[in-house]
Amino acid sequence: MIGMLTETSTLFVRVVRSEISGLSGELTGLCGEMTVEIGGLRAEMNARFETVNQRLDYLDRDVQALTKHVFGEQS
């Protein structure tokens, strides 16, 4: 009876350990996927910010040209 109880508990512990190892590997994979997704999002955001920055530079240039045209050159 004690031998059967020992064998059952040993097998149960092995099953639990293997399930935990599988879960750990799955979580590691998900963490890697999230890192890749965040890197892609960061690159996309930087590209969009650069586009907005360029548009603001053009707007600044146009406002300066209009100001010079309306108020004339000031030295």
C-alpha atoms as a PDB file:
ATOM      1  CA  MET A   1       0.000   0.000   0.000  1.00  0.00           C
ATOM      2  CA  ILE A   2       2.807   2.451   0.909  1.00  0.00           C
ATOM      3  CA  GLY A   3       4.710   1.503  -2.268  1.00  0.00           C
ATOM      4  CA  MET A   4       1.638   2.232  -4.414  1.00  0.00           C
ATOM      5  CA  LEU A   5       1.133   5.574  -2.676  1.00  0.00           C
ATOM      6  CA  THR A   6       4.817   6.455  -3.219  1.00  0.00           C
ATOM      7  CA  GLU A   7       4.676   5.492  -6.896  1.00  0.00           C
ATOM      8  CA  THR A   8       1.478   7.488  -7.457  1.00  0.00           C
ATOM      9  CA  SER A   9       2.845  10.597  -5.782  1.00  0.00           C
ATOM     10  CA  THR A  10       6.139  10.303  -7.714  1.00  0.00           C
ATOM     11  CA  LEU A  11       4.293  10.072 -11.027  1.00  0.00           C
ATOM     12  CA  PHE A  12       2.080  13.000 -10.047  1.00  0.00           C
ATOM     13  CA  VAL A  13       5.116  15.162  -9.246  1.00  0.00           C
ATOM     14  CA  ARG A  14       6.691  14.264 -12.621  1.00  0.00           C
ATOM     15  CA  VAL A  15       3.528  15.223 -14.485  1.00  0.00           C
ATOM     16  CA  VAL A  16       3.289  18.542 -12.643  1.00  0.00           C
ATOM     17  CA  ARG A  17       6.963  19.328 -13.339  1.00  0.00           C
ATOM     18  CA  SER A  18       6.602  18.558 -17.040  1.00  0.00           C
ATOM     19  CA  GLU A  19       3.483  20.739 -17.281  1.00  0.00           C
ATOM     20  CA  ILE A  20       5.260  23.615 -15.537  1.00  0.00           C
ATOM     21  CA  SER A  21       8.240  23.252 -17.882  1.00  0.00           C
ATOM     22  CA  GLY A  22       5.924  23.354 -20.893  1.00  0.00           C
ATOM     23  CA  LEU A  23       4.174  26.432 -19.555  1.00  0.00           C
ATOM     24  CA  SER A  24       7.516  28.123 -18.923  1.00  0.00           C
ATOM     25  CA  GLY A  25       8.598  27.486 -22.513  1.00  0.00           C
ATOM     26  CA  GLU A  26       5.297  28.812 -23.819  1.00  0.00           C
ATOM     27  CA  LEU A  27       5.598  31.989 -21.744  1.00  0.00           C
ATOM     28  CA  THR A  28       9.158  32.504 -22.978  1.00  0.00           C
ATOM     29  CA  GLY A  29       7.928  32.238 -26.571  1.00  0.00           C
ATOM     30  CA  LEU A  30       5.122  34.719 -25.929  1.00  0.00           C
ATOM     31  CA  CYS A  31       7.589  37.131 -24.337  1.00  0.00           C
ATOM     32  CA  GLY A  32       9.775  36.935 -27.442  1.00  0.00           C
ATOM     33  CA  GLU A  33       6.783  37.583 -29.708  1.00  0.00           C
ATOM     34  CA  MET A  34       5.777  40.592 -27.629  1.00  0.00           C
ATOM     35  CA  THR A  35       9.298  41.993 -27.843  1.00  0.00           C
ATOM     36  CA  VAL A  36       9.191  41.718 -31.636  1.00  0.00           C
ATOM     37  CA  GLU A  37       5.742  43.340 -31.801  1.00  0.00           C
ATOM     38  CA  ILE A  38       6.835  46.217 -29.550  1.00  0.00           C
ATOM     39  CA  GLY A  39       9.944  46.742 -31.688  1.00  0.00           C
ATOM     40  CA  GLY A  40       7.792  46.918 -34.818  1.00  0.00           C
ATOM     41  CA  LEU A  41       5.408  49.340 -33.150  1.00  0.00           C
ATOM     42  CA  ARG A  42       8.328  51.501 -32.040  1.00  0.00           C
ATOM     43  CA  ALA A  43       9.692  51.659 -35.592  1.00  0.00           C
ATOM     44  CA  GLU A  44       6.266  52.571 -36.982  1.00  0.00           C
ATOM     45  CA  MET A  45       5.765  55.287 -34.371  1.00  0.00           C
ATOM     46  CA  ASN A  46       9.214  56.757 -35.041  1.00  0.00           C
ATOM     47  CA  ALA A  47       8.469  56.859 -38.779  1.00  0.00           C
ATOM     48  CA  ARG A  48       5.171  58.650 -38.170  1.00  0.00           C
ATOM     49  CA  PHE A  49       6.750  61.117 -35.743  1.00  0.00           C
ATOM     50  CA  GLU A  50       9.416  61.870 -38.350  1.00  0.00           C
ATOM     51  CA  THR A  51       6.690  62.559 -40.922  1.00  0.00           C
ATOM     52  CA  VAL A  52       4.900  64.922 -38.529  1.00  0.00           C
ATOM     53  CA  ASN A  53       8.196  66.635 -37.706  1.00  0.00           C
ATOM     54  CA  GLN A  54       8.900  67.148 -41.408  1.00  0.00           C
ATOM     55  CA  ARG A  55       5.438  68.622 -41.957  1.00  0.00           C
ATOM     56  CA  LEU A  56       5.953  71.003 -39.040  1.00  0.00           C
ATOM     57  CA  ASP A  57       9.271  72.089 -40.559  1.00  0.00           C
ATOM     58  CA  TYR A  58       7.518  72.838 -43.848  1.00  0.00           C
ATOM     59  CA  LEU A  59       4.777  74.714 -42.003  1.00  0.00           C
ATOM     60  CA  ASP A  60       7.372  76.759 -40.125  1.00  0.00           C
ATOM     61  CA  ARG A  61       9.123  77.598 -43.390  1.00  0.00           C
ATOM     62  CA  ASP A  62       5.816  78.650 -45.002  1.00  0.00           C
ATOM     63  CA  VAL A  63       4.835  80.823 -42.023  1.00  0.00           C
ATOM     64  CA  GLN A  64       8.227  82.549 -42.114  1.00  0.00           C
ATOM     65  CA  ALA A  65       7.842  83.207 -45.848  1.00  0.00           C
ATOM     66  CA  LEU A  66       4.339  84.643 -45.346  1.00  0.00           C
ATOM     67  CA  THR A  67       5.551  86.806 -42.466  1.00  0.00           C
ATOM     68  CA  LYS A  68       8.380  88.193 -44.594  1.00  0.00           C
ATOM     69  CA  HIS A  69       5.955  88.808 -47.456  1.00  0.00           C
ATOM     70  CA  VAL A  70       3.362  90.602 -45.307  1.00  0.00           C
ATOM     71  CA  PHE A  71       5.643  92.566 -43.006  1.00  0.00           C
ATOM     72  CA  GLY A  72       8.666  92.863 -45.241  1.00  0.00           C
ATOM     73  CA  GLU A  73      12.294  92.212 -44.445  1.00  0.00           C
ATOM     74  CA  GLN A  74      13.403  93.521 -41.083  1.00  0.00           C
ATOM     75  CA  SER A  75      17.093  94.020 -40.459  1.00  0.00           C
END
